[in-house]
Amino acid sequence: MTIPDGTKGPYDDFYCHKYRVWYRVDDCVFRGRNQTYPGCVNCFQGYLNIRSLERGIQPPPFFVTGATAAHEGSAPGLVVPMRQTR
């Protein structure tokens, strides 16, 4: 599965799988912490973003700078399936 770039703006660094839109991770964290939108309350993806920012983990820079697959080794937006461990 490939994430579409259609809605991605120049400063968007987060893809919301629930609503299928790109925007800034800070917006996701604000909505999750302050419960400003009912659909974002108790969202697991939002919870992970909140936890990551609290720990100082930032999105990879290629999401914002627009680096290509040649720079990073994989195409931005490409979802890699997880391997089952059991």
N, C-alpha and C. Protein backbone atom coordinates (compact mmCIF):
# COMPACT_ATOMS: atom_id res chain seq x y z
N MET A 1 0.83 -1.17 0.00
CA MET A 1 0.00 0.00 0.00
C MET A 1 0.89 1.24 0.00
N THR A 2 0.56 2.20 -0.84
CA THR A 2 1.31 3.45 -0.91
C THR A 2 0.43 4.59 -0.41
N ILE A 3 0.98 5.45 0.40
CA ILE A 3 0.25 6.61 0.90
C ILE A 3 0.26 7.68 -0.18
N PRO A 4 -0.90 8.21 -0.56
CA PRO A 4 -0.95 9.23 -1.60
C PRO A 4 -0.33 10.55 -1.15
N ASP A 5 0.30 11.25 -2.10
CA ASP A 5 0.87 12.56 -1.79
C ASP A 5 -0.09 13.69 -2.14
N GLY A 6 -1.29 13.38 -2.61
CA GLY A 6 -2.23 14.37 -3.10
C GLY A 6 -2.56 15.48 -2.12
N THR A 7 -2.70 15.18 -0.84
CA THR A 7 -3.07 16.20 0.13
C THR A 7 -1.87 16.74 0.90
N LYS A 8 -0.66 16.31 0.55
CA LYS A 8 0.53 16.67 1.33
C LYS A 8 1.01 18.07 0.97
N GLY A 9 1.04 18.94 2.00
CA GLY A 9 1.58 20.28 1.84
C GLY A 9 3.08 20.29 2.11
N PRO A 10 3.75 21.41 1.89
CA PRO A 10 5.21 21.47 2.05
C PRO A 10 5.70 21.24 3.47
N TYR A 11 4.88 21.50 4.48
CA TYR A 11 5.32 21.33 5.86
C TYR A 11 4.60 20.18 6.57
N ASP A 12 3.82 19.41 5.85
CA ASP A 12 3.12 18.28 6.45
C ASP A 12 4.09 17.14 6.69
N ASP A 13 4.07 16.58 7.91
CA ASP A 13 5.00 15.51 8.27
C ASP A 13 4.29 14.32 8.90
N PHE A 14 2.98 14.26 8.77
CA PHE A 14 2.21 13.19 9.39
C PHE A 14 1.04 12.81 8.49
N TYR A 15 0.85 11.52 8.29
CA TYR A 15 -0.29 11.03 7.51
C TYR A 15 -1.27 10.36 8.46
N CYS A 16 -2.48 10.89 8.52
CA CYS A 16 -3.52 10.34 9.38
C CYS A 16 -4.23 9.22 8.60
N HIS A 17 -4.08 8.00 9.07
CA HIS A 17 -4.70 6.86 8.39
C HIS A 17 -6.21 6.85 8.57
N LYS A 18 -6.69 7.42 9.64
CA LYS A 18 -8.13 7.42 9.90
C LYS A 18 -8.87 8.31 8.90
N TYR A 19 -8.32 9.51 8.64
CA TYR A 19 -8.98 10.46 7.75
C TYR A 19 -8.30 10.58 6.38
N ARG A 20 -7.21 9.87 6.22
CA ARG A 20 -6.47 9.82 4.94
C ARG A 20 -6.06 11.20 4.44
N VAL A 21 -5.45 11.95 5.35
CA VAL A 21 -4.93 13.28 5.00
C VAL A 21 -3.56 13.49 5.62
N TRP A 22 -2.76 14.33 4.98
CA TRP A 22 -1.47 14.75 5.51
C TRP A 22 -1.66 16.04 6.29
N TYR A 23 -0.97 16.20 7.39
CA TYR A 23 -0.86 17.47 8.08
C TYR A 23 0.28 17.39 9.07
N ARG A 24 0.46 18.43 9.88
CA ARG A 24 1.59 18.47 10.81
C ARG A 24 1.31 17.61 12.03
N VAL A 25 2.32 16.91 12.51
CA VAL A 25 2.18 16.05 13.69
C VAL A 25 1.78 16.89 14.91
N ASP A 26 2.23 18.15 14.94
CA ASP A 26 1.86 19.03 16.06
C ASP A 26 0.34 19.23 16.11
N ASP A 27 -0.30 19.30 14.96
CA ASP A 27 -1.76 19.44 14.92
C ASP A 27 -2.44 18.21 15.49
N CYS A 28 -1.93 17.04 15.13
CA CYS A 28 -2.48 15.79 15.65
C CYS A 28 -2.36 15.74 17.17
N VAL A 29 -1.20 16.12 17.67
CA VAL A 29 -0.96 16.11 19.12
C VAL A 29 -1.88 17.11 19.82
N PHE A 30 -2.05 18.30 19.23
CA PHE A 30 -2.93 19.30 19.83
C PHE A 30 -4.36 18.78 19.90
N ARG A 31 -4.84 18.19 18.81
CA ARG A 31 -6.21 17.66 18.79
C ARG A 31 -6.37 16.53 19.81
N GLY A 32 -5.38 15.67 19.92
CA GLY A 32 -5.46 14.56 20.86
C GLY A 32 -5.42 15.00 22.30
N ARG A 33 -4.50 15.90 22.62
CA ARG A 33 -4.37 16.37 24.00
C ARG A 33 -5.57 17.20 24.46
N ASN A 34 -6.06 18.05 23.58
CA ASN A 34 -7.11 19.00 23.95
C ASN A 34 -8.51 18.53 23.56
N GLN A 35 -8.58 17.37 22.91
CA GLN A 35 -9.86 16.79 22.50
C GLN A 35 -10.72 17.81 21.75
N THR A 36 -10.11 18.45 20.75
CA THR A 36 -10.82 19.49 20.00
C THR A 36 -11.71 18.92 18.90
N TYR A 37 -11.51 17.66 18.55
CA TYR A 37 -12.33 17.04 17.50
C TYR A 37 -12.72 15.65 17.99
N PRO A 38 -14.01 15.32 18.00
CA PRO A 38 -14.45 14.03 18.56
C PRO A 38 -13.79 12.81 17.91
N GLY A 39 -13.50 12.88 16.62
CA GLY A 39 -12.89 11.75 15.93
C GLY A 39 -11.46 11.48 16.35
N CYS A 40 -10.83 12.48 16.97
CA CYS A 40 -9.43 12.34 17.38
C CYS A 40 -9.29 11.92 18.84
N VAL A 41 -10.40 11.88 19.58
CA VAL A 41 -10.36 11.46 20.98
C VAL A 41 -10.13 9.96 21.02
N ASN A 42 -9.19 9.52 21.84
CA ASN A 42 -8.85 8.10 22.01
C ASN A 42 -8.33 7.45 20.73
N CYS A 43 -7.69 8.23 19.87
CA CYS A 43 -7.10 7.69 18.63
C CYS A 43 -5.72 7.12 18.96
N PHE A 44 -5.49 5.86 18.61
CA PHE A 44 -4.22 5.22 18.94
C PHE A 44 -3.05 5.86 18.20
N GLN A 45 -3.26 6.22 16.94
CA GLN A 45 -2.20 6.87 16.18
C GLN A 45 -1.85 8.22 16.82
N GLY A 46 -2.86 8.96 17.26
CA GLY A 46 -2.62 10.22 17.96
C GLY A 46 -1.89 10.00 19.28
N TYR A 47 -2.27 8.95 20.00
CA TYR A 47 -1.59 8.61 21.25
C TYR A 47 -0.10 8.37 21.01
N LEU A 48 0.23 7.66 19.94
CA LEU A 48 1.64 7.40 19.62
C LEU A 48 2.37 8.69 19.29
N ASN A 49 1.70 9.61 18.60
CA ASN A 49 2.33 10.90 18.29
C ASN A 49 2.57 11.70 19.56
N ILE A 50 1.60 11.72 20.47
CA ILE A 50 1.77 12.43 21.74
C ILE A 50 2.95 11.85 22.51
N ARG A 51 2.99 10.53 22.60
CA ARG A 51 4.07 9.86 23.34
C ARG A 51 5.43 10.13 22.69
N SER A 52 5.48 10.10 21.36
CA SER A 52 6.74 10.35 20.67
C SER A 52 7.26 11.76 20.93
N LEU A 53 6.36 12.75 20.85
CA LEU A 53 6.80 14.12 21.09
C LEU A 53 7.22 14.33 22.54
N GLU A 54 6.54 13.67 23.47
CA GLU A 54 6.93 13.78 24.88
C GLU A 54 8.32 13.21 25.11
N ARG A 55 8.68 12.22 24.33
CA ARG A 55 10.02 11.59 24.45
C ARG A 55 11.06 12.27 23.58
N GLY A 56 10.66 13.30 22.84
CA GLY A 56 11.61 14.03 22.00
C GLY A 56 11.85 13.41 20.64
N ILE A 57 11.00 12.48 20.23
CA ILE A 57 11.16 11.84 18.93
C ILE A 57 10.41 12.66 17.89
N GLN A 58 11.13 13.09 16.85
CA GLN A 58 10.53 13.89 15.79
C GLN A 58 10.34 13.04 14.53
N PRO A 59 9.40 13.45 13.65
CA PRO A 59 9.23 12.72 12.38
C PRO A 59 10.52 12.79 11.57
N PRO A 60 10.76 11.81 10.72
CA PRO A 60 11.97 11.83 9.89
C PRO A 60 12.01 13.10 9.05
N PRO A 61 13.18 13.71 8.90
CA PRO A 61 13.28 14.97 8.17
C PRO A 61 12.86 14.88 6.71
N PHE A 62 12.95 13.71 6.08
CA PHE A 62 12.60 13.63 4.67
C PHE A 62 11.11 13.86 4.43
N PHE A 63 10.26 13.75 5.46
CA PHE A 63 8.85 14.04 5.27
C PHE A 63 8.64 15.52 4.96
N VAL A 64 9.49 16.39 5.52
CA VAL A 64 9.32 17.82 5.33
C VAL A 64 10.19 18.34 4.20
N THR A 65 11.42 17.86 4.10
CA THR A 65 12.34 18.39 3.10
C THR A 65 12.09 17.85 1.71
N GLY A 66 11.33 16.77 1.58
CA GLY A 66 10.99 16.25 0.27
C GLY A 66 12.09 15.40 -0.36
N ALA A 67 12.98 14.83 0.44
CA ALA A 67 14.03 13.97 -0.10
C ALA A 67 13.41 12.77 -0.81
N THR A 68 14.08 12.27 -1.79
CA THR A 68 13.55 11.16 -2.57
C THR A 68 14.08 9.84 -2.06
N ALA A 69 13.62 8.77 -2.67
CA ALA A 69 14.05 7.43 -2.27
C ALA A 69 15.56 7.26 -2.38
N ALA A 70 16.18 7.93 -3.33
CA ALA A 70 17.62 7.81 -3.51
C ALA A 70 18.38 8.36 -2.29
N HIS A 71 17.79 9.32 -1.59
CA HIS A 71 18.45 9.90 -0.42
C HIS A 71 18.25 9.07 0.84
N GLU A 72 17.13 8.42 0.96
CA GLU A 72 16.79 7.75 2.20
C GLU A 72 16.81 6.23 2.13
N GLY A 73 16.84 5.67 0.96
CA GLY A 73 16.86 4.23 0.83
C GLY A 73 15.48 3.60 0.69
N SER A 74 14.43 4.38 0.93
CA SER A 74 13.07 3.89 0.70
C SER A 74 12.20 5.08 0.36
N ALA A 75 11.14 4.83 -0.36
CA ALA A 75 10.28 5.91 -0.81
C ALA A 75 9.42 6.44 0.33
N PRO A 76 9.40 7.76 0.55
CA PRO A 76 8.51 8.32 1.56
C PRO A 76 7.07 7.95 1.23
N GLY A 77 6.33 7.55 2.25
CA GLY A 77 4.93 7.20 2.05
C GLY A 77 4.70 5.74 1.76
N LEU A 78 5.75 4.95 1.60
CA LEU A 78 5.60 3.53 1.33
C LEU A 78 5.38 2.80 2.65
N VAL A 79 4.28 2.09 2.75
CA VAL A 79 3.98 1.35 3.96
C VAL A 79 4.56 -0.05 3.83
N VAL A 80 5.43 -0.40 4.75
CA VAL A 80 6.08 -1.70 4.73
C VAL A 80 5.31 -2.64 5.64
N PRO A 81 4.84 -3.78 5.11
CA PRO A 81 4.08 -4.70 5.96
C PRO A 81 4.95 -5.27 7.07
N MET A 82 4.34 -5.43 8.24
CA MET A 82 5.06 -6.00 9.36
C MET A 82 5.12 -7.51 9.26
N ARG A 83 6.22 -8.07 9.71
CA ARG A 83 6.35 -9.52 9.73
C ARG A 83 5.71 -10.07 11.00
N GLN A 84 5.06 -11.18 10.89
CA GLN A 84 4.50 -11.80 12.07
C GLN A 84 5.61 -12.45 12.88
N THR A 85 5.56 -12.27 14.18
CA THR A 85 6.61 -12.81 15.03
C THR A 85 6.21 -14.10 15.72
N ARG A 86 4.99 -14.50 15.55
CA ARG A 86 4.53 -15.74 16.20
C ARG A 86 4.27 -16.81 15.21
